[in-house]
Amino acid sequence: MKKLYTGKSIDEILASAAKEKNCDAEALYYEVKDEKAGFLGLGKEITAEVYSKDDMIEFAQEYLKSYFDGIEMESYIEVTVDKDGCFHVDLDTQNNAILIGRNGQTLQSLNMIVKAAMSSEFKRRVPILVDINGYKEDKYRKLCQIAQRAAKSVRRTKVDVTLDPMPADERKAIHNYLTNMAGVSTVSEGEGNQRRIKIVYNPGKEVDI
């Protein structure tokens, strides 16, 4: 987990933390907590809180374990990090349907809670996605199929199409899916829970599907 280290420089602190955590210094994050200049520039001392992605994974696992223990629900929790630095939490519990909720609303709320906890703990924006038994991935696939049909209609009719409101992660999935589709572009419109994707006819876009 996060730990305070003290040294004469950030490099010295990171080297010490890297040795203890058995990782490269470049893989560490830090936040300076205190800095003393010393007398006449001598005896400078820096205290910083240092952590790694493994520490963040451990925090997410322990946070969710504590939650499920609190409601006495058995759960399987796996946390991984993809090549873009996004944390993926895969859950499987004894009552997945309740945790997913109607149209995934309860799962969306759980995503917001875990994201807020991670950001608060590590004082930075942490990209994280919580999924339950593959529900989110399946929903992304279905939404992208709907978006693809709508995009083909836009290319054929030259009339823009606006999809139903959806959370940021679902909009991102569609943006990414259609980014290489020729003849159409995607933009987000609206505010709050009414934010949605608009598929716009763009004849100048010449990218292969």
Foldseek 3Di string as FASTA:
>chain_A
DKDKDKDQDPVVRLVVVCVVVVHDSVQKDKDWDDWDCDPPSPPTMTIIIMDGVVVLQVVLVVVVVVVCVVVVWDKDWDWDADPVGAIEIEMETPCLDVCCDDVRPNLVVVQVVSQVVSCVVVVHRHHYHYDYPCPVVVVLVVLLVVLVVQLVVCQVVVDKDWDFFDDPVSQVSNQVSCVQPAQWHWDWDDDDSRITIMIHGDNVGDGHD
